[in-house]
């Protein structure tokens, strides 16, 4: 278990670089044949074992940090989300594009004490609103 605060973006970037380096090395060794799906899985397994041994991160934590880094590295909200949200909160935000995060980031800035449950509710309401929009009669399939 981790102790202390981890900068998800710094760690995620380092992990991403290591993973990409492992993939590039294997691809170079494979030459024109490329890397098969089996080889990709072996690389991933070796990567997660290396990170577990060297840094003590589980596979789930490693994958989360890499996902968060890749999603927010070039985001217009990076500095805001980095300051406002925990790693777990950021993992919830990964699937949402920047334009959909505007309201969530504003809400968190207005209420820094927003809990993860409140964040989930806000994101759930956002998804529910989209479902309602998608269910409008003009978007429904024709009735027989």
Foldseek 3Di string as FASTA:
>chain_A
DDDDADQLQVLLVVLVVVLVVLQVVVQVVVPPVGADPVNNVVSLVVSQVVCCVPPVDHSVRNVLSNLLNVQQVPAPCNVLCSVQDGSVLSSVCSVPHNVVCPVVSVVCVVPSPQDSVNSVVVVVVVVVVVVVVCPPPVNDDDDD
